[in-house]
PDB file of N, CA and C in Angstrom:
ATOM      1  N   UNK A   1     -18.214  -0.112   0.128  1.00  0.00           N
ATOM      2  CA  UNK A   1     -17.260   0.755  -0.527  1.00  0.00           C
ATOM      3  C   UNK A   1     -15.830   0.357  -0.179  1.00  0.00           C
ATOM      4  N   UNK A   2     -15.622  -0.014   1.104  1.00  0.00           N
ATOM      5  CA  UNK A   2     -14.281  -0.416   1.519  1.00  0.00           C
ATOM      6  C   UNK A   2     -13.821  -1.664   0.771  1.00  0.00           C
ATOM      7  N   UNK A   3     -14.742  -2.598   0.541  1.00  0.00           N
ATOM      8  CA  UNK A   3     -14.385  -3.832  -0.159  1.00  0.00           C
ATOM      9  C   UNK A   3     -13.911  -3.540  -1.576  1.00  0.00           C
ATOM     10  N   UNK A   4     -14.578  -2.614  -2.248  1.00  0.00           N
ATOM     11  CA  UNK A   4     -14.179  -2.245  -3.605  1.00  0.00           C
ATOM     12  C   UNK A   4     -12.794  -1.598  -3.605  1.00  0.00           C
ATOM     13  N   UNK A   5     -12.541  -0.715  -2.649  1.00  0.00           N
ATOM     14  CA  UNK A   5     -11.236  -0.056  -2.564  1.00  0.00           C
ATOM     15  C   UNK A   5     -10.145  -1.068  -2.257  1.00  0.00           C
ATOM     16  N   UNK A   6     -10.409  -2.013  -1.359  1.00  0.00           N
ATOM     17  CA  UNK A   6      -9.415  -3.028  -1.019  1.00  0.00           C
ATOM     18  C   UNK A   6      -9.134  -3.938  -2.210  1.00  0.00           C
ATOM     19  N   UNK A   7     -10.164  -4.311  -2.941  1.00  0.00           N
ATOM     20  CA  UNK A   7      -9.978  -5.151  -4.128  1.00  0.00           C
ATOM     21  C   UNK A   7      -9.179  -4.415  -5.197  1.00  0.00           C
ATOM     22  N   UNK A   8      -9.509  -3.164  -5.441  1.00  0.00           N
ATOM     23  CA  UNK A   8      -8.791  -2.376  -6.441  1.00  0.00           C
ATOM     24  C   UNK A   8      -7.330  -2.203  -6.048  1.00  0.00           C
ATOM     25  N   UNK A   9      -7.084  -1.883  -4.786  1.00  0.00           N
ATOM     26  CA  UNK A   9      -5.714  -1.730  -4.296  1.00  0.00           C
ATOM     27  C   UNK A   9      -4.940  -3.044  -4.454  1.00  0.00           C
ATOM     28  N   UNK A  10      -5.566  -4.144  -4.108  1.00  0.00           N
ATOM     29  CA  UNK A  10      -4.916  -5.449  -4.234  1.00  0.00           C
ATOM     30  C   UNK A  10      -4.577  -5.793  -5.674  1.00  0.00           C
ATOM     31  N   UNK A  11      -5.472  -5.486  -6.599  1.00  0.00           N
ATOM     32  CA  UNK A  11      -5.207  -5.774  -8.009  1.00  0.00           C
ATOM     33  C   UNK A  11      -4.061  -4.921  -8.549  1.00  0.00           C
ATOM     34  N   UNK A  12      -4.026  -3.655  -8.169  1.00  0.00           N
ATOM     35  CA  UNK A  12      -2.949  -2.774  -8.634  1.00  0.00           C
ATOM     36  C   UNK A  12      -1.605  -3.224  -8.060  1.00  0.00           C
ATOM     37  N   UNK A  13      -1.586  -3.570  -6.766  1.00  0.00           N
ATOM     38  CA  UNK A  13      -0.344  -4.031  -6.137  1.00  0.00           C
ATOM     39  C   UNK A  13       0.127  -5.325  -6.788  1.00  0.00           C
ATOM     40  N   UNK A  14      -0.793  -6.238  -7.060  1.00  0.00           N
ATOM     41  CA  UNK A  14      -0.432  -7.497  -7.715  1.00  0.00           C
ATOM     42  C   UNK A  14       0.161  -7.243  -9.090  1.00  0.00           C
ATOM     43  N   UNK A  15      -0.440  -6.342  -9.852  1.00  0.00           N
ATOM     44  CA  UNK A  15       0.084  -6.031 -11.179  1.00  0.00           C
ATOM     45  C   UNK A  15       1.487  -5.426 -11.107  1.00  0.00           C
ATOM     46  N   UNK A  16       1.684  -4.474 -10.202  1.00  0.00           N
ATOM     47  CA  UNK A  16       2.989  -3.824 -10.081  1.00  0.00           C
ATOM     48  C   UNK A  16       4.054  -4.834  -9.648  1.00  0.00           C
ATOM     49  N   UNK A  17       3.743  -5.651  -8.645  1.00  0.00           N
ATOM     50  CA  UNK A  17       4.724  -6.630  -8.163  1.00  0.00           C
ATOM     51  C   UNK A  17       5.036  -7.689  -9.222  1.00  0.00           C
ATOM     52  N   UNK A  18       4.025  -8.155  -9.952  1.00  0.00           N
ATOM     53  CA  UNK A  18       4.261  -9.142 -11.004  1.00  0.00           C
ATOM     54  C   UNK A  18       5.099  -8.552 -12.134  1.00  0.00           C
ATOM     55  N   UNK A  19       4.832  -7.296 -12.480  1.00  0.00           N
ATOM     56  CA  UNK A  19       5.586  -6.653 -13.560  1.00  0.00           C
ATOM     57  C   UNK A  19       7.043  -6.441 -13.170  1.00  0.00           C
ATOM     58  N   UNK A  20       7.292  -5.983 -11.947  1.00  0.00           N
ATOM     59  CA  UNK A  20       8.685  -5.778 -11.525  1.00  0.00           C
ATOM     60  C   UNK A  20       9.412  -7.108 -11.392  1.00  0.00           C
ATOM     61  N   UNK A  21       8.722  -8.136 -10.942  1.00  0.00           N
ATOM     62  CA  UNK A  21       9.348  -9.458 -10.833  1.00  0.00           C
ATOM     63  C   UNK A  21       9.719  -9.999 -12.210  1.00  0.00           C
ATOM     64  N   UNK A  22       8.827  -9.833 -13.162  1.00  0.00           N
ATOM     65  CA  UNK A  22       9.115 -10.304 -14.520  1.00  0.00           C
ATOM     66  C   UNK A  22      10.276  -9.524 -15.132  1.00  0.00           C
ATOM     67  N   UNK A  23      10.292  -8.219 -14.940  1.00  0.00           N
ATOM     68  CA  UNK A  23      11.389  -7.413 -15.479  1.00  0.00           C
ATOM     69  C   UNK A  23      12.719  -7.796 -14.851  1.00  0.00           C
ATOM     70  N   UNK A  24      12.729  -8.100 -13.557  1.00  0.00           N
ATOM     71  CA  UNK A  24      13.970  -8.512 -12.900  1.00  0.00           C
ATOM     72  C   UNK A  24      14.435  -9.864 -13.451  1.00  0.00           C
ATOM     73  N   UNK A  25      13.491 -10.788 -13.634  1.00  0.00           N
ATOM     74  CA  UNK A  25      13.827 -12.113 -14.147  1.00  0.00           C
ATOM     75  C   UNK A  25      14.386 -12.033 -15.561  1.00  0.00           C
ATOM     76  N   UNK A  26      13.867 -11.120 -16.373  1.00  0.00           N
ATOM     77  CA  UNK A  26      14.325 -10.964 -17.746  1.00  0.00           C
ATOM     78  C   UNK A  26      15.460  -9.946 -17.873  1.00  0.00           C
ATOM     79  N   UNK A  27      15.955  -9.440 -16.747  1.00  0.00           N
ATOM     80  CA  UNK A  27      17.077  -8.493 -16.695  1.00  0.00           C
ATOM     81  C   UNK A  27      16.797  -7.233 -17.519  1.00  0.00           C
ATOM     82  N   UNK A  28      15.577  -6.705 -17.365  1.00  0.00           N
ATOM     83  CA  UNK A  28      15.202  -5.460 -18.033  1.00  0.00           C
ATOM     84  C   UNK A  28      14.952  -4.395 -16.982  1.00  0.00           C
ATOM     85  N   UNK A  29      15.089  -3.143 -17.384  1.00  0.00           N
ATOM     86  CA  UNK A  29      14.762  -2.027 -16.496  1.00  0.00           C
ATOM     87  C   UNK A  29      13.253  -1.831 -16.447  1.00  0.00           C
ATOM     88  N   UNK A  30      12.781  -1.358 -15.303  1.00  0.00           N
ATOM     89  CA  UNK A  30      11.362  -1.042 -15.175  1.00  0.00           C
ATOM     90  C   UNK A  30      11.060   0.279 -15.872  1.00  0.00           C
ATOM     91  N   UNK A  31       9.906   0.387 -16.523  1.00  0.00           N
ATOM     92  CA  UNK A  31       9.516   1.678 -17.097  1.00  0.00           C
ATOM     93  C   UNK A  31       9.319   2.708 -15.984  1.00  0.00           C
ATOM     94  N   UNK A  32       9.563   3.979 -16.275  1.00  0.00           N
ATOM     95  CA  UNK A  32       9.419   5.016 -15.250  1.00  0.00           C
ATOM     96  C   UNK A  32       8.014   5.068 -14.629  1.00  0.00           C
ATOM     97  N   UNK A  33       6.980   4.823 -15.415  1.00  0.00           N
ATOM     98  CA  UNK A  33       5.620   4.863 -14.878  1.00  0.00           C
ATOM     99  C   UNK A  33       5.388   3.731 -13.872  1.00  0.00           C
ATOM    100  N   UNK A  34       5.948   2.560 -14.132  1.00  0.00           N
ATOM    101  CA  UNK A  34       5.830   1.444 -13.197  1.00  0.00           C
ATOM    102  C   UNK A  34       6.564   1.756 -11.899  1.00  0.00           C
ATOM    103  N   UNK A  35       7.723   2.370 -12.002  1.00  0.00           N
ATOM    104  CA  UNK A  35       8.468   2.776 -10.812  1.00  0.00           C
ATOM    105  C   UNK A  35       7.683   3.813 -10.019  1.00  0.00           C
ATOM    106  N   UNK A  36       7.050   4.757 -10.704  1.00  0.00           N
ATOM    107  CA  UNK A  36       6.236   5.770 -10.039  1.00  0.00           C
ATOM    108  C   UNK A  36       5.063   5.135  -9.291  1.00  0.00           C
ATOM    109  N   UNK A  37       4.374   4.196  -9.935  1.00  0.00           N
ATOM    110  CA  UNK A  37       3.268   3.515  -9.271  1.00  0.00           C
ATOM    111  C   UNK A  37       3.759   2.725  -8.069  1.00  0.00           C
ATOM    112  N   UNK A  38       4.920   2.093  -8.188  1.00  0.00           N
ATOM    113  CA  UNK A  38       5.482   1.347  -7.064  1.00  0.00           C
ATOM    114  C   UNK A  38       5.775   2.246  -5.874  1.00  0.00           C
ATOM    115  N   UNK A  39       6.411   3.370  -6.122  1.00  0.00           N
ATOM    116  CA  UNK A  39       6.705   4.316  -5.033  1.00  0.00           C
ATOM    117  C   UNK A  39       5.417   4.893  -4.437  1.00  0.00           C
ATOM    118  N   UNK A  40       4.437   5.168  -5.285  1.00  0.00           N
ATOM    119  CA  UNK A  40       3.163   5.700  -4.801  1.00  0.00           C
ATOM    120  C   UNK A  40       2.452   4.692  -3.907  1.00  0.00           C
ATOM    121  N   UNK A  41       2.421   3.439  -4.323  1.00  0.00           N
ATOM    122  CA  UNK A  41       1.775   2.406  -3.516  1.00  0.00           C
ATOM    123  C   UNK A  41       2.519   2.182  -2.204  1.00  0.00           C
ATOM    124  N   UNK A  42       3.844   2.204  -2.259  1.00  0.00           N
ATOM    125  CA  UNK A  42       4.622   2.029  -1.033  1.00  0.00           C
ATOM    126  C   UNK A  42       4.360   3.186  -0.065  1.00  0.00           C
ATOM    127  N   UNK A  43       4.333   4.408  -0.572  1.00  0.00           N
ATOM    128  CA  UNK A  43       4.087   5.575   0.272  1.00  0.00           C
ATOM    129  C   UNK A  43       2.680   5.538   0.856  1.00  0.00           C
ATOM    130  N   UNK A  44       1.706   5.166   0.053  1.00  0.00           N
ATOM    131  CA  UNK A  44       0.329   5.071   0.532  1.00  0.00           C
ATOM    132  C   UNK A  44       0.212   4.011   1.630  1.00  0.00           C
ATOM    133  N   UNK A  45       0.838   2.867   1.427  1.00  0.00           N
ATOM    134  CA  UNK A  45       0.778   1.798   2.425  1.00  0.00           C
ATOM    135  C   UNK A  45       1.445   2.222   3.726  1.00  0.00           C
ATOM    136  N   UNK A  46       2.608   2.838   3.630  1.00  0.00           N
ATOM    137  CA  UNK A  46       3.320   3.278   4.831  1.00  0.00           C
ATOM    138  C   UNK A  46       2.541   4.363   5.572  1.00  0.00           C
ATOM    139  N   UNK A  47       1.996   5.314   4.844  1.00  0.00           N
ATOM    140  CA  UNK A  47       1.226   6.390   5.466  1.00  0.00           C
ATOM    141  C   UNK A  47      -0.025   5.854   6.151  1.00  0.00           C
ATOM    142  N   UNK A  48      -0.713   4.938   5.502  1.00  0.00           N
ATOM    143  CA  UNK A  48      -1.906   4.336   6.092  1.00  0.00           C
ATOM    144  C   UNK A  48      -1.555   3.548   7.350  1.00  0.00           C
ATOM    145  N   UNK A  49      -0.466   2.787   7.285  1.00  0.00           N
ATOM    146  CA  UNK A  49      -0.042   2.011   8.456  1.00  0.00           C
ATOM    147  C   UNK A  49       0.325   2.882   9.639  1.00  0.00           C
ATOM    148  N   UNK A  50       1.090   3.932   9.394  1.00  0.00           N
ATOM    149  CA  UNK A  50       1.483   4.842  10.471  1.00  0.00           C
ATOM    150  C   UNK A  50       0.260   5.574  11.021  1.00  0.00           C
ATOM    151  N   UNK A  51      -0.641   5.964  10.145  1.00  0.00           N
ATOM    152  CA  UNK A  51      -1.850   6.633  10.598  1.00  0.00           C
ATOM    153  C   UNK A  51      -2.717   5.737  11.470  1.00  0.00           C
ATOM    154  N   UNK A  52      -2.878   4.492  11.080  1.00  0.00           N
ATOM    155  CA  UNK A  52      -3.672   3.560  11.891  1.00  0.00           C
ATOM    156  C   UNK A  52      -2.994   3.247  13.218  1.00  0.00           C
ATOM    157  N   UNK A  53      -1.669   3.110  13.210  1.00  0.00           N
ATOM    158  CA  UNK A  53      -0.949   2.895  14.470  1.00  0.00           C
ATOM    159  C   UNK A  53      -1.103   4.097  15.402  1.00  0.00           C
ATOM    160  N   UNK A  54      -1.007   5.301  14.845  1.00  0.00           N
ATOM    161  CA  UNK A  54      -1.200   6.506  15.652  1.00  0.00           C
ATOM    162  C   UNK A  54      -2.605   6.599  16.206  1.00  0.00           C
ATOM    163  N   UNK A  55      -3.584   6.262  15.395  1.00  0.00           N
ATOM    164  CA  UNK A  55      -4.988   6.289  15.825  1.00  0.00           C
ATOM    165  C   UNK A  55      -5.219   5.306  16.968  1.00  0.00           C
ATOM    166  N   UNK A  56      -4.738   4.084  16.795  1.00  0.00           N
ATOM    167  CA  UNK A  56      -4.917   3.075  17.855  1.00  0.00           C
ATOM    168  C   UNK A  56      -4.098   3.431  19.097  1.00  0.00           C
ATOM    169  N   UNK A  57      -2.904   3.971  18.910  1.00  0.00           N
ATOM    170  CA  UNK A  57      -2.088   4.374  20.051  1.00  0.00           C
ATOM    171  C   UNK A  57      -2.726   5.500  20.837  1.00  0.00           C
ATOM    172  N   UNK A  58      -3.295   6.455  20.140  1.00  0.00           N
ATOM    173  CA  UNK A  58      -3.977   7.562  20.810  1.00  0.00           C
ATOM    174  C   UNK A  58      -5.140   7.039  21.650  1.00  0.00           C
ATOM    175  N   UNK A  59      -5.911   6.165  21.051  1.00  0.00           N
ATOM    176  CA  UNK A  59      -7.063   5.632  21.769  1.00  0.00           C
ATOM    177  C   UNK A  59      -6.644   4.706  22.902  1.00  0.00           C
ATOM    178  N   UNK A  60      -5.520   4.030  22.773  1.00  0.00           N
ATOM    179  CA  UNK A  60      -5.021   3.187  23.851  1.00  0.00           C
ATOM    180  C   UNK A  60      -4.560   4.056  25.039  1.00  0.00           C
ATOM    181  N   UNK A  61      -3.940   5.197  24.750  1.00  0.00           N
ATOM    182  CA  UNK A  61      -3.459   6.076  25.817  1.00  0.00           C
ATOM    183  C   UNK A  61      -4.598   6.821  26.513  1.00  0.00           C
ATOM    184  N   UNK A  62      -5.618   7.184  25.745  1.00  0.00           N
ATOM    185  CA  UNK A  62      -6.719   7.934  26.347  1.00  0.00           C
ATOM    186  C   UNK A  62      -7.810   7.028  26.922  1.00  0.00           C
ATOM    187  N   UNK A  63      -7.785   5.768  26.584  1.00  0.00           N
ATOM    188  CA  UNK A  63      -8.789   4.837  27.095  1.00  0.00           C
ATOM    189  C   UNK A  63     -10.090   4.840  26.332  1.00  0.00           C
ATOM    190  N   UNK A  64     -10.145   5.565  25.245  1.00  0.00           N
ATOM    191  CA  UNK A  64     -11.370   5.612  24.437  1.00  0.00           C
ATOM    192  C   UNK A  64     -11.452   4.350  23.582  1.00  0.00           C
ATOM    193  N   UNK A  65     -12.660   3.896  23.276  1.00  0.00           N
ATOM    194  CA  UNK A  65     -12.780   2.700  22.422  1.00  0.00           C
ATOM    195  C   UNK A  65     -12.347   3.014  20.995  1.00  0.00           C
ATOM    196  N   UNK A  66     -11.717   2.054  20.348  1.00  0.00           N
ATOM    197  CA  UNK A  66     -11.263   2.210  18.966  1.00  0.00           C
ATOM    198  C   UNK A  66     -12.425   1.843  18.049  1.00  0.00           C
ATOM    199  N   UNK A  67     -12.853   2.778  17.233  1.00  0.00           N
ATOM    200  CA  UNK A  67     -13.952   2.559  16.296  1.00  0.00           C
ATOM    201  C   UNK A  67     -13.393   2.703  14.893  1.00  0.00           C
ATOM    202  N   UNK A  68     -13.444   1.612  14.165  1.00  0.00           N
ATOM    203  CA  UNK A  68     -12.942   1.641  12.784  1.00  0.00           C
ATOM    204  C   UNK A  68     -14.086   1.408  11.831  1.00  0.00           C
TER     205      UNK A  68
END
């Protein structure tokens, strides 16, 4: 299940980044929906990263093994 989620996330991120890069190269504005997806993906990535850092930090301080 994790592999499917990672693949789907990667495909969506690739599409958003390619679309914004093309729009910048052609000097066009991004559609509002593309901007929304970009902000959503950025927020999801940041939240996941902070959550994993907190999880590992907690386990490092308490000495418990990290199980992912």
